[in-house]
N, C-alpha and C. Protein backbone atom coordinates (compact mmCIF):
# COMPACT_ATOMS: atom_id res chain seq x y z
N MET A 1 -10.51 -8.26 28.04
CA MET A 1 -10.50 -9.66 27.66
C MET A 1 -9.06 -10.16 27.68
N ASP A 2 -8.81 -11.27 28.33
CA ASP A 2 -7.49 -11.88 28.37
C ASP A 2 -7.47 -13.04 27.39
N ALA A 3 -7.17 -12.72 26.12
CA ALA A 3 -7.25 -13.72 25.05
C ALA A 3 -5.96 -14.48 24.86
N SER A 4 -4.99 -14.25 25.71
CA SER A 4 -3.69 -14.87 25.52
C SER A 4 -2.86 -14.66 26.77
N ASN A 5 -1.68 -15.26 26.73
CA ASN A 5 -0.72 -14.96 27.79
C ASN A 5 0.28 -13.92 27.29
N ILE A 6 -0.11 -13.12 26.30
CA ILE A 6 0.77 -12.13 25.70
C ILE A 6 1.31 -11.16 26.74
N ASP A 7 0.47 -10.69 27.65
CA ASP A 7 0.93 -9.74 28.65
C ASP A 7 1.99 -10.32 29.57
N CYS A 8 2.10 -11.63 29.62
CA CYS A 8 3.09 -12.30 30.46
C CYS A 8 4.40 -12.57 29.72
N VAL A 9 4.44 -12.31 28.41
CA VAL A 9 5.62 -12.68 27.62
C VAL A 9 6.88 -12.02 28.17
N GLY A 10 6.82 -10.76 28.54
CA GLY A 10 8.01 -10.08 29.10
C GLY A 10 8.54 -10.80 30.32
N LYS A 11 7.66 -11.19 31.23
CA LYS A 11 8.07 -11.93 32.42
C LYS A 11 8.62 -13.30 32.05
N VAL A 12 8.00 -13.92 31.05
CA VAL A 12 8.47 -15.22 30.59
C VAL A 12 9.87 -15.10 30.01
N ILE A 13 10.12 -14.06 29.21
CA ILE A 13 11.44 -13.84 28.61
C ILE A 13 12.48 -13.68 29.71
N ASP A 14 12.17 -12.92 30.76
CA ASP A 14 13.11 -12.76 31.88
C ASP A 14 13.39 -14.10 32.55
N ALA A 15 12.35 -14.89 32.76
CA ALA A 15 12.54 -16.20 33.38
C ALA A 15 13.36 -17.12 32.48
N VAL A 16 13.11 -17.07 31.18
CA VAL A 16 13.86 -17.89 30.22
C VAL A 16 15.34 -17.53 30.28
N LYS A 17 15.66 -16.24 30.28
CA LYS A 17 17.06 -15.81 30.36
C LYS A 17 17.72 -16.34 31.62
N ASP A 18 17.02 -16.23 32.75
CA ASP A 18 17.56 -16.72 34.02
C ASP A 18 17.80 -18.23 33.97
N ILE A 19 16.86 -18.96 33.46
CA ILE A 19 16.99 -20.42 33.37
C ILE A 19 18.13 -20.80 32.43
N ARG A 20 18.21 -20.15 31.28
CA ARG A 20 19.28 -20.45 30.31
C ARG A 20 20.66 -20.17 30.90
N GLU A 21 20.76 -19.12 31.71
CA GLU A 21 22.05 -18.75 32.30
C GLU A 21 22.44 -19.64 33.48
N ASN A 22 21.47 -20.16 34.20
CA ASN A 22 21.77 -20.83 35.46
C ASN A 22 21.46 -22.32 35.50
N TRP A 23 20.78 -22.84 34.51
CA TRP A 23 20.41 -24.24 34.52
C TRP A 23 20.77 -24.85 33.17
N ASN A 24 20.82 -26.12 33.11
CA ASN A 24 21.11 -26.81 31.85
C ASN A 24 19.78 -27.25 31.20
N ILE A 25 18.91 -26.24 30.98
CA ILE A 25 17.60 -26.50 30.39
C ILE A 25 17.38 -25.50 29.27
N GLU A 26 16.93 -25.99 28.12
CA GLU A 26 16.59 -25.09 27.02
C GLU A 26 15.10 -24.79 27.06
N ILE A 27 14.77 -23.53 27.15
CA ILE A 27 13.38 -23.09 27.23
C ILE A 27 13.10 -22.20 26.02
N ILE A 28 11.92 -22.35 25.46
CA ILE A 28 11.53 -21.54 24.31
C ILE A 28 10.28 -20.75 24.70
N PRO A 29 10.39 -19.43 24.74
CA PRO A 29 9.23 -18.62 25.12
C PRO A 29 8.18 -18.58 24.00
N GLY A 30 6.94 -18.67 24.40
CA GLY A 30 5.87 -18.65 23.42
C GLY A 30 4.62 -18.04 24.00
N ALA A 31 3.60 -17.97 23.17
CA ALA A 31 2.30 -17.44 23.59
C ALA A 31 1.21 -18.29 22.94
N GLU A 32 0.13 -18.47 23.69
CA GLU A 32 -1.05 -19.14 23.14
C GLU A 32 -2.18 -18.13 23.10
N ILE A 33 -2.76 -17.98 21.93
CA ILE A 33 -3.93 -17.12 21.76
C ILE A 33 -5.16 -18.00 21.95
N THR A 34 -5.97 -17.63 22.94
CA THR A 34 -7.06 -18.48 23.37
C THR A 34 -8.37 -17.71 23.44
N HIS A 35 -9.43 -18.26 22.85
CA HIS A 35 -10.78 -17.70 22.95
C HIS A 35 -10.83 -16.22 22.59
N ALA A 36 -10.08 -15.84 21.56
CA ALA A 36 -10.10 -14.46 21.07
C ALA A 36 -11.04 -14.37 19.88
N PRO A 37 -11.62 -13.22 19.66
CA PRO A 37 -12.40 -13.06 18.43
C PRO A 37 -11.49 -13.39 17.23
N ALA A 38 -12.02 -14.16 16.30
CA ALA A 38 -11.21 -14.64 15.19
C ALA A 38 -10.52 -13.51 14.43
N GLU A 39 -11.20 -12.39 14.27
CA GLU A 39 -10.65 -11.30 13.47
C GLU A 39 -9.45 -10.61 14.10
N ILE A 40 -9.21 -10.79 15.41
CA ILE A 40 -8.05 -10.14 16.02
C ILE A 40 -6.87 -11.09 16.23
N ILE A 41 -7.00 -12.34 15.81
CA ILE A 41 -5.89 -13.28 15.98
C ILE A 41 -4.61 -12.77 15.32
N PRO A 42 -4.64 -12.27 14.09
CA PRO A 42 -3.39 -11.75 13.50
C PRO A 42 -2.76 -10.62 14.33
N LYS A 43 -3.59 -9.72 14.83
CA LYS A 43 -3.08 -8.60 15.65
C LYS A 43 -2.43 -9.14 16.93
N LEU A 44 -3.08 -10.08 17.59
CA LEU A 44 -2.53 -10.65 18.82
C LEU A 44 -1.23 -11.42 18.54
N ALA A 45 -1.19 -12.13 17.44
CA ALA A 45 0.02 -12.88 17.09
C ALA A 45 1.19 -11.93 16.83
N ARG A 46 0.95 -10.84 16.13
CA ARG A 46 2.01 -9.85 15.89
C ARG A 46 2.49 -9.24 17.21
N MET A 47 1.54 -8.93 18.09
CA MET A 47 1.91 -8.37 19.40
C MET A 47 2.79 -9.34 20.17
N ALA A 48 2.42 -10.61 20.17
CA ALA A 48 3.20 -11.62 20.89
C ALA A 48 4.61 -11.71 20.32
N ARG A 49 4.74 -11.70 19.01
CA ARG A 49 6.06 -11.74 18.37
C ARG A 49 6.90 -10.53 18.79
N LYS A 50 6.29 -9.35 18.75
CA LYS A 50 7.02 -8.12 19.12
C LYS A 50 7.50 -8.17 20.56
N LYS A 51 6.74 -8.85 21.41
CA LYS A 51 7.11 -8.94 22.82
C LYS A 51 8.13 -10.05 23.09
N GLY A 52 8.46 -10.83 22.06
CA GLY A 52 9.51 -11.83 22.22
C GLY A 52 9.08 -13.27 22.17
N ALA A 53 7.81 -13.54 21.94
CA ALA A 53 7.37 -14.94 21.83
C ALA A 53 7.98 -15.55 20.57
N GLU A 54 8.65 -16.67 20.73
CA GLU A 54 9.30 -17.33 19.61
C GLU A 54 8.37 -18.33 18.91
N ILE A 55 7.42 -18.85 19.64
CA ILE A 55 6.44 -19.80 19.11
C ILE A 55 5.04 -19.24 19.41
N ILE A 56 4.19 -19.21 18.39
CA ILE A 56 2.82 -18.74 18.57
C ILE A 56 1.88 -19.91 18.29
N VAL A 57 1.03 -20.19 19.27
CA VAL A 57 0.03 -21.26 19.18
C VAL A 57 -1.34 -20.61 19.28
N VAL A 58 -2.27 -21.09 18.48
CA VAL A 58 -3.66 -20.63 18.60
C VAL A 58 -4.51 -21.80 19.08
N HIS A 59 -5.32 -21.54 20.07
CA HIS A 59 -6.26 -22.52 20.63
C HIS A 59 -7.36 -22.73 19.60
N GLY A 60 -7.35 -23.90 18.97
CA GLY A 60 -8.30 -24.18 17.90
C GLY A 60 -9.69 -24.52 18.38
N GLU A 61 -10.53 -24.87 17.41
CA GLU A 61 -11.94 -25.14 17.65
C GLU A 61 -12.15 -26.56 18.18
N THR A 62 -11.61 -26.81 19.35
CA THR A 62 -11.72 -28.09 20.02
C THR A 62 -13.19 -28.51 20.17
N LEU A 63 -13.40 -29.79 20.32
CA LEU A 63 -14.76 -30.31 20.47
C LEU A 63 -15.34 -30.07 21.86
N VAL A 64 -14.50 -29.73 22.84
CA VAL A 64 -14.97 -29.70 24.23
C VAL A 64 -15.09 -28.31 24.85
N GLU A 65 -14.85 -27.27 24.07
CA GLU A 65 -15.00 -25.92 24.60
C GLU A 65 -15.73 -25.06 23.55
N PRO A 66 -16.42 -24.05 23.99
CA PRO A 66 -17.14 -23.18 23.04
C PRO A 66 -16.19 -22.16 22.41
N VAL A 67 -15.36 -22.60 21.47
CA VAL A 67 -14.42 -21.72 20.79
C VAL A 67 -15.16 -20.99 19.67
N ILE A 68 -14.81 -19.75 19.48
CA ILE A 68 -15.47 -18.91 18.48
C ILE A 68 -15.29 -19.51 17.08
N GLU A 69 -16.41 -19.68 16.38
CA GLU A 69 -16.36 -20.19 15.01
C GLU A 69 -15.52 -19.24 14.15
N GLY A 70 -14.68 -19.82 13.33
CA GLY A 70 -13.78 -19.03 12.49
C GLY A 70 -12.38 -18.94 13.05
N THR A 71 -12.17 -19.44 14.27
CA THR A 71 -10.84 -19.40 14.89
C THR A 71 -9.83 -20.20 14.06
N ASN A 72 -10.19 -21.43 13.67
CA ASN A 72 -9.27 -22.24 12.87
C ASN A 72 -8.91 -21.50 11.58
N TRP A 73 -9.91 -20.95 10.90
CA TRP A 73 -9.70 -20.25 9.63
C TRP A 73 -8.74 -19.08 9.81
N SER A 74 -8.98 -18.27 10.83
CA SER A 74 -8.12 -17.12 11.08
C SER A 74 -6.69 -17.56 11.40
N ALA A 75 -6.56 -18.59 12.20
CA ALA A 75 -5.22 -19.06 12.60
C ALA A 75 -4.42 -19.56 11.41
N VAL A 76 -5.02 -20.39 10.56
CA VAL A 76 -4.25 -20.96 9.45
C VAL A 76 -3.93 -19.93 8.38
N ASN A 77 -4.60 -18.79 8.41
CA ASN A 77 -4.32 -17.72 7.47
C ASN A 77 -3.38 -16.65 8.03
N CYS A 78 -2.87 -16.87 9.23
CA CYS A 78 -2.01 -15.89 9.89
C CYS A 78 -0.55 -16.32 9.80
N PRO A 79 0.30 -15.53 9.15
CA PRO A 79 1.70 -15.93 8.98
C PRO A 79 2.51 -15.99 10.27
N ASP A 80 2.03 -15.38 11.34
CA ASP A 80 2.75 -15.43 12.61
C ASP A 80 2.44 -16.66 13.44
N VAL A 81 1.45 -17.44 13.06
CA VAL A 81 1.06 -18.64 13.82
C VAL A 81 1.94 -19.81 13.41
N ASP A 82 2.40 -20.57 14.41
CA ASP A 82 3.24 -21.74 14.17
C ASP A 82 2.45 -23.04 14.31
N VAL A 83 1.52 -23.08 15.28
CA VAL A 83 0.77 -24.30 15.57
C VAL A 83 -0.69 -23.95 15.83
N LEU A 84 -1.58 -24.71 15.20
CA LEU A 84 -3.00 -24.64 15.52
C LEU A 84 -3.28 -25.81 16.45
N ALA A 85 -3.50 -25.48 17.71
CA ALA A 85 -3.70 -26.51 18.74
C ALA A 85 -5.12 -27.05 18.70
N HIS A 86 -5.24 -28.32 18.99
CA HIS A 86 -6.51 -29.03 19.08
C HIS A 86 -7.59 -28.42 18.18
N PRO A 87 -7.40 -28.58 16.85
CA PRO A 87 -8.32 -27.94 15.90
C PRO A 87 -9.65 -28.65 15.70
N GLY A 88 -9.92 -29.69 16.48
CA GLY A 88 -11.24 -30.34 16.42
C GLY A 88 -11.57 -30.89 15.06
N LEU A 89 -12.72 -30.52 14.54
CA LEU A 89 -13.17 -31.02 13.24
C LEU A 89 -12.73 -30.07 12.12
N ILE A 90 -11.44 -29.84 12.05
CA ILE A 90 -10.87 -28.95 11.05
C ILE A 90 -11.33 -29.38 9.65
N THR A 91 -11.59 -28.41 8.80
CA THR A 91 -12.05 -28.72 7.44
C THR A 91 -10.85 -29.02 6.54
N LEU A 92 -11.15 -29.67 5.43
CA LEU A 92 -10.10 -29.93 4.44
C LEU A 92 -9.48 -28.63 3.95
N GLU A 93 -10.32 -27.63 3.71
CA GLU A 93 -9.82 -26.34 3.23
C GLU A 93 -8.90 -25.68 4.26
N GLU A 94 -9.28 -25.71 5.54
CA GLU A 94 -8.43 -25.12 6.58
C GLU A 94 -7.11 -25.86 6.68
N ALA A 95 -7.15 -27.19 6.61
CA ALA A 95 -5.92 -27.97 6.69
C ALA A 95 -5.02 -27.72 5.48
N GLU A 96 -5.62 -27.54 4.32
CA GLU A 96 -4.84 -27.25 3.12
C GLU A 96 -4.13 -25.90 3.25
N ILE A 97 -4.83 -24.91 3.79
CA ILE A 97 -4.22 -23.59 4.00
C ILE A 97 -3.11 -23.70 5.06
N ALA A 98 -3.34 -24.49 6.10
CA ALA A 98 -2.29 -24.71 7.11
C ALA A 98 -1.05 -25.28 6.44
N ARG A 99 -1.25 -26.26 5.57
CA ARG A 99 -0.10 -26.86 4.86
C ARG A 99 0.61 -25.80 4.02
N GLU A 100 -0.16 -25.03 3.26
CA GLU A 100 0.43 -24.00 2.40
C GLU A 100 1.19 -22.95 3.19
N ASN A 101 0.71 -22.63 4.40
CA ASN A 101 1.33 -21.61 5.24
C ASN A 101 2.29 -22.20 6.27
N ASP A 102 2.56 -23.49 6.17
CA ASP A 102 3.51 -24.19 7.04
C ASP A 102 3.14 -24.05 8.52
N ILE A 103 1.86 -24.19 8.81
CA ILE A 103 1.37 -24.16 10.18
C ILE A 103 1.05 -25.59 10.58
N ALA A 104 1.64 -26.04 11.68
CA ALA A 104 1.43 -27.41 12.15
C ALA A 104 0.08 -27.55 12.84
N LEU A 105 -0.52 -28.71 12.67
CA LEU A 105 -1.76 -29.06 13.36
C LEU A 105 -1.40 -29.97 14.53
N GLU A 106 -2.07 -29.77 15.63
CA GLU A 106 -1.72 -30.50 16.85
C GLU A 106 -2.49 -31.79 17.01
N ILE A 107 -1.76 -32.83 17.37
CA ILE A 107 -2.34 -34.04 17.97
C ILE A 107 -2.20 -33.78 19.46
N SER A 108 -3.30 -33.60 20.15
CA SER A 108 -3.27 -33.18 21.55
C SER A 108 -3.26 -34.37 22.50
N THR A 109 -2.46 -34.24 23.53
CA THR A 109 -2.45 -35.29 24.57
C THR A 109 -3.40 -34.93 25.71
N ARG A 110 -3.96 -33.75 25.67
CA ARG A 110 -4.83 -33.28 26.76
C ARG A 110 -6.21 -33.94 26.68
N LYS A 111 -6.67 -34.35 27.84
CA LYS A 111 -8.01 -34.96 27.92
C LYS A 111 -9.04 -34.00 27.33
N GLY A 112 -9.98 -34.54 26.62
CA GLY A 112 -11.01 -33.72 25.99
C GLY A 112 -10.57 -33.20 24.64
N HIS A 113 -9.50 -32.40 24.63
CA HIS A 113 -9.00 -31.88 23.37
C HIS A 113 -8.59 -33.00 22.42
N SER A 114 -8.20 -34.13 22.98
CA SER A 114 -7.73 -35.25 22.16
C SER A 114 -8.87 -35.95 21.42
N LEU A 115 -10.11 -35.63 21.72
CA LEU A 115 -11.23 -36.30 21.06
C LEU A 115 -11.25 -36.11 19.54
N GLY A 116 -10.68 -35.04 19.05
CA GLY A 116 -10.64 -34.80 17.61
C GLY A 116 -9.37 -35.30 16.93
N ASN A 117 -8.47 -35.92 17.68
CA ASN A 117 -7.18 -36.30 17.13
C ASN A 117 -7.28 -37.19 15.88
N GLY A 118 -8.16 -38.17 15.91
CA GLY A 118 -8.28 -39.08 14.76
C GLY A 118 -8.65 -38.32 13.50
N HIS A 119 -9.59 -37.40 13.62
CA HIS A 119 -10.00 -36.58 12.48
C HIS A 119 -8.85 -35.70 12.00
N VAL A 120 -8.14 -35.08 12.94
CA VAL A 120 -7.03 -34.20 12.58
C VAL A 120 -5.96 -34.98 11.82
N VAL A 121 -5.62 -36.16 12.32
CA VAL A 121 -4.61 -36.98 11.65
C VAL A 121 -5.09 -37.39 10.26
N GLN A 122 -6.33 -37.82 10.15
CA GLN A 122 -6.87 -38.25 8.85
C GLN A 122 -6.80 -37.11 7.82
N VAL A 123 -7.25 -35.94 8.21
CA VAL A 123 -7.26 -34.79 7.29
C VAL A 123 -5.82 -34.38 6.94
N ALA A 124 -4.97 -34.31 7.94
CA ALA A 124 -3.58 -33.91 7.69
C ALA A 124 -2.87 -34.90 6.78
N MET A 125 -3.09 -36.18 7.00
CA MET A 125 -2.45 -37.20 6.16
C MET A 125 -2.96 -37.11 4.72
N GLU A 126 -4.24 -36.86 4.56
CA GLU A 126 -4.82 -36.75 3.22
C GLU A 126 -4.21 -35.60 2.43
N LEU A 127 -3.92 -34.48 3.13
CA LEU A 127 -3.46 -33.27 2.45
C LEU A 127 -1.96 -33.01 2.59
N GLY A 128 -1.28 -33.82 3.40
CA GLY A 128 0.15 -33.59 3.61
C GLY A 128 0.44 -32.42 4.53
N ALA A 129 -0.49 -32.11 5.44
CA ALA A 129 -0.27 -31.03 6.40
C ALA A 129 0.65 -31.51 7.51
N LYS A 130 1.40 -30.59 8.08
CA LYS A 130 2.35 -30.89 9.14
C LYS A 130 1.60 -31.16 10.45
N LEU A 131 2.03 -32.20 11.16
CA LEU A 131 1.47 -32.54 12.46
C LEU A 131 2.55 -32.48 13.54
N VAL A 132 2.15 -32.14 14.75
CA VAL A 132 3.01 -32.23 15.93
C VAL A 132 2.17 -32.79 17.08
N VAL A 133 2.82 -33.41 18.04
CA VAL A 133 2.15 -33.84 19.26
C VAL A 133 2.47 -32.80 20.32
N ASP A 134 1.46 -32.37 21.05
CA ASP A 134 1.64 -31.35 22.09
C ASP A 134 0.82 -31.73 23.31
N THR A 135 1.33 -31.38 24.46
CA THR A 135 0.65 -31.74 25.72
C THR A 135 -0.40 -30.73 26.15
N ASP A 136 -0.29 -29.48 25.71
CA ASP A 136 -1.19 -28.44 26.22
C ASP A 136 -1.17 -28.47 27.74
N THR A 137 0.03 -28.49 28.28
CA THR A 137 0.23 -28.64 29.73
C THR A 137 -0.32 -27.46 30.51
N HIS A 138 -1.17 -27.78 31.47
CA HIS A 138 -1.69 -26.79 32.41
C HIS A 138 -1.15 -27.06 33.82
N THR A 139 -0.86 -28.31 34.10
CA THR A 139 -0.32 -28.70 35.41
C THR A 139 0.78 -29.74 35.18
N PRO A 140 1.64 -29.96 36.17
CA PRO A 140 2.70 -30.96 36.00
C PRO A 140 2.17 -32.34 35.61
N GLY A 141 0.97 -32.68 36.02
CA GLY A 141 0.38 -33.98 35.68
C GLY A 141 0.08 -34.14 34.19
N ASP A 142 0.07 -33.02 33.45
CA ASP A 142 -0.18 -33.08 32.01
C ASP A 142 1.08 -33.44 31.21
N LEU A 143 2.24 -33.35 31.84
CA LEU A 143 3.48 -33.66 31.14
C LEU A 143 3.56 -35.15 30.82
N ILE A 144 4.14 -35.48 29.68
CA ILE A 144 4.27 -36.87 29.25
C ILE A 144 5.69 -37.13 28.77
N ASN A 145 5.99 -38.41 28.61
CA ASN A 145 7.28 -38.77 28.04
C ASN A 145 7.11 -39.13 26.57
N TYR A 146 8.23 -39.40 25.92
CA TYR A 146 8.23 -39.69 24.48
C TYR A 146 7.39 -40.93 24.16
N LYS A 147 7.49 -41.95 25.00
CA LYS A 147 6.75 -43.20 24.76
C LYS A 147 5.24 -42.94 24.79
N THR A 148 4.79 -42.13 25.73
CA THR A 148 3.36 -41.80 25.80
C THR A 148 2.94 -40.99 24.58
N ALA A 149 3.78 -40.08 24.13
CA ALA A 149 3.48 -39.30 22.92
C ALA A 149 3.32 -40.24 21.72
N GLU A 150 4.19 -41.24 21.63
CA GLU A 150 4.06 -42.24 20.55
C GLU A 150 2.72 -42.94 20.62
N LYS A 151 2.32 -43.37 21.81
CA LYS A 151 1.06 -44.10 21.98
C LYS A 151 -0.14 -43.23 21.58
N ILE A 152 -0.12 -41.98 21.98
CA ILE A 152 -1.23 -41.08 21.65
C ILE A 152 -1.30 -40.85 20.14
N ALA A 153 -0.16 -40.65 19.51
CA ALA A 153 -0.14 -40.47 18.05
C ALA A 153 -0.64 -41.72 17.34
N LEU A 154 -0.18 -42.88 17.77
CA LEU A 154 -0.64 -44.13 17.15
C LEU A 154 -2.13 -44.34 17.41
N GLY A 155 -2.59 -43.99 18.60
CA GLY A 155 -4.01 -44.11 18.94
C GLY A 155 -4.90 -43.20 18.10
N ALA A 156 -4.31 -42.15 17.55
CA ALA A 156 -5.03 -41.23 16.66
C ALA A 156 -4.92 -41.69 15.20
N SER A 157 -4.43 -42.90 15.00
CA SER A 157 -4.27 -43.52 13.68
C SER A 157 -3.13 -42.95 12.85
N LEU A 158 -2.13 -42.36 13.50
CA LEU A 158 -0.94 -41.95 12.77
C LEU A 158 -0.18 -43.22 12.39
N PRO A 159 0.20 -43.36 11.14
CA PRO A 159 0.99 -44.54 10.76
C PRO A 159 2.32 -44.58 11.52
N GLU A 160 2.73 -45.75 11.92
CA GLU A 160 3.96 -45.90 12.71
C GLU A 160 5.17 -45.30 12.00
N ASN A 161 5.21 -45.40 10.68
CA ASN A 161 6.36 -44.86 9.95
C ASN A 161 6.40 -43.33 9.96
N MET A 162 5.38 -42.68 10.50
CA MET A 162 5.33 -41.21 10.59
C MET A 162 5.70 -40.69 11.99
N LEU A 163 5.93 -41.60 12.94
CA LEU A 163 6.21 -41.16 14.32
C LEU A 163 7.40 -40.22 14.40
N ARG A 164 8.52 -40.58 13.80
CA ARG A 164 9.72 -39.73 13.88
C ARG A 164 9.45 -38.35 13.28
N THR A 165 8.74 -38.32 12.16
CA THR A 165 8.43 -37.04 11.52
C THR A 165 7.61 -36.15 12.44
N VAL A 166 6.57 -36.71 13.03
CA VAL A 166 5.64 -35.93 13.85
C VAL A 166 6.24 -35.58 15.21
N LEU A 167 6.97 -36.51 15.81
CA LEU A 167 7.47 -36.28 17.17
C LEU A 167 8.83 -35.58 17.22
N ARG A 168 9.58 -35.64 16.14
CA ARG A 168 10.91 -35.03 16.17
C ARG A 168 11.14 -34.06 15.01
N ASP A 169 10.98 -34.53 13.78
CA ASP A 169 11.35 -33.72 12.63
C ASP A 169 10.51 -32.45 12.50
N ASN A 170 9.19 -32.56 12.62
CA ASN A 170 8.34 -31.38 12.48
C ASN A 170 8.59 -30.34 13.57
N PRO A 171 8.69 -30.74 14.85
CA PRO A 171 9.02 -29.72 15.87
C PRO A 171 10.39 -29.08 15.63
N GLU A 172 11.37 -29.88 15.23
CA GLU A 172 12.69 -29.31 14.95
C GLU A 172 12.63 -28.36 13.75
N ASP A 173 11.81 -28.68 12.76
CA ASP A 173 11.65 -27.82 11.60
C ASP A 173 11.08 -26.46 12.01
N ILE A 174 10.10 -26.46 12.89
CA ILE A 174 9.54 -25.20 13.39
C ILE A 174 10.62 -24.39 14.09
N LEU A 175 11.39 -25.03 14.95
CA LEU A 175 12.44 -24.34 15.69
C LEU A 175 13.54 -23.82 14.76
N ARG A 176 13.88 -24.61 13.76
CA ARG A 176 14.91 -24.20 12.79
C ARG A 176 14.45 -22.98 12.00
N LYS A 177 13.21 -22.98 11.56
CA LYS A 177 12.70 -21.84 10.78
C LYS A 177 12.62 -20.56 11.60
N LYS A 178 12.50 -20.72 12.91
CA LYS A 178 12.45 -19.56 13.79
C LYS A 178 13.86 -19.15 14.24
N GLY A 179 14.88 -19.90 13.79
CA GLY A 179 16.26 -19.59 14.17
C GLY A 179 16.59 -19.98 15.60
N ILE A 180 15.81 -20.85 16.17
CA ILE A 180 16.01 -21.27 17.56
C ILE A 180 17.08 -22.36 17.65
N ILE A 181 17.09 -23.24 16.64
CA ILE A 181 18.16 -24.26 16.60
C ILE A 181 18.87 -24.18 15.26
């Protein structure tokens, strides 16, 4: 079962080193745990960290894919997870645990995954959970600019006065806690 890009982390680290040395681009190596049995998410996250992944994302229980029930719960209870991506109809209890464990919930810009954004924002705002906007980029066409990220966040009912926090402060906080910046 290929539940992540963990096996690629070594190659990613080599590419990151090359890019950092030869280009004026900052790259952060990470891993996404996807469609894994919920009970092995902590094991996979630890493996990814050991292999050099600086950011760990778990593919949440999106509305548009058959994600294993319990994935959100396992992710928010795992200390190695940084972001729960497209968590769909995340429960209040799961969001509260995410807040307590400093795990960000994603406002997704990806088609389909974004269908739960309004719910995610509502729950996160109610409980004070951390939010980030993420593209879940699979192809170059998935990349967006800052203005588009603002529009997607506002379209998910994020209050305008929270844009800077969600689009800049929260991602920087994750990077700072990991010693990246």
